[in-house]
């Protein structure tokens, strides 16, 4: 029996990670980034462990966002 549809779909995060110029902010905009981290997506974890990504993540945590930013972006 042949299946008409491919039930195994790759996430949009995997597609983004294949690009050379992907940024941390682009990945953070994806809704399923936390689920992919919990699922231990190897490509995503390797990207997040890069020193420039780790520095950005730490700065997101310790620096207060500016008041003129959109509230949706500020608290993301």
Protein backbone atom coordinates (compact mmCIF):
# COMPACT_ATOMS: atom_id res chain seq x y z
CA UNK A 1 0.00 0.00 0.00
CA UNK A 2 1.37 3.40 -0.95
CA UNK A 3 0.74 6.50 1.11
CA UNK A 4 -0.51 9.54 -0.66
CA UNK A 5 0.85 12.01 1.87
CA UNK A 6 4.18 12.30 3.61
CA UNK A 7 3.43 12.14 7.33
CA UNK A 8 7.00 12.89 8.39
CA UNK A 9 7.45 16.60 8.13
CA UNK A 10 10.49 18.55 9.15
CA UNK A 11 10.04 21.61 11.27
CA UNK A 12 10.48 25.12 9.98
CA UNK A 13 13.36 25.48 12.43
CA UNK A 14 15.33 22.80 10.58
CA UNK A 15 14.75 24.70 7.36
CA UNK A 16 16.01 27.91 8.96
CA UNK A 17 19.08 26.21 10.39
CA UNK A 18 20.12 25.02 6.93
CA UNK A 19 20.65 28.65 5.91
CA UNK A 20 24.08 30.17 6.48
CA UNK A 21 22.77 33.58 7.56
CA UNK A 22 20.16 32.55 10.11
CA UNK A 23 20.06 34.71 13.23
CA UNK A 24 19.09 34.00 16.78
CA UNK A 25 16.21 36.47 16.56
CA UNK A 26 14.77 34.63 13.58
CA UNK A 27 14.82 31.39 15.53
CA UNK A 28 13.33 33.03 18.60
CA UNK A 29 10.41 34.24 16.46
CA UNK A 30 9.40 30.66 15.74
CA UNK A 31 6.56 29.37 17.90
CA UNK A 32 7.92 25.85 18.23
CA UNK A 33 11.46 26.73 19.33
CA UNK A 34 10.82 25.57 22.91
CA UNK A 35 9.29 22.29 21.77
CA UNK A 36 12.29 21.69 19.52
CA UNK A 37 14.64 22.33 22.44
CA UNK A 38 12.68 19.89 24.59
CA UNK A 39 12.82 17.35 21.77
CA UNK A 40 16.60 17.85 21.74
CA UNK A 41 16.84 18.99 18.14
CA UNK A 42 20.54 18.49 17.55
CA UNK A 43 20.95 21.23 14.93
CA UNK A 44 19.16 23.75 17.13
CA UNK A 45 21.18 22.89 20.22
CA UNK A 46 24.46 23.12 18.31
CA UNK A 47 23.41 26.53 16.97
CA UNK A 48 22.47 27.77 20.44
CA UNK A 49 25.79 26.61 21.87
CA UNK A 50 27.78 28.89 19.59
CA UNK A 51 29.52 31.58 21.62
CA UNK A 52 27.80 34.52 19.87
CA UNK A 53 24.38 32.94 20.47
CA UNK A 54 25.15 32.27 24.11
CA UNK A 55 26.26 35.87 24.58
CA UNK A 56 23.04 37.14 22.99
CA UNK A 57 20.90 34.82 25.12
CA UNK A 58 22.61 35.99 28.30
CA UNK A 59 22.16 39.62 27.31
CA UNK A 60 18.45 38.99 26.64
CA UNK A 61 18.16 37.66 30.17
CA UNK A 62 20.14 40.25 32.12
CA UNK A 63 19.37 43.46 30.21
CA UNK A 64 16.07 45.26 30.62
CA UNK A 65 14.35 45.82 27.25
CA UNK A 66 13.77 49.41 26.21
CA UNK A 67 10.38 50.94 26.93
CA UNK A 68 9.80 52.08 23.36
CA UNK A 69 9.67 48.51 22.00
CA UNK A 70 6.41 46.78 21.24
CA UNK A 71 5.22 44.90 24.34
CA UNK A 72 4.90 41.64 22.42
CA UNK A 73 8.58 41.82 21.45
CA UNK A 74 9.78 43.13 24.81
CA UNK A 75 8.56 40.18 26.82
CA UNK A 76 9.20 37.48 24.29
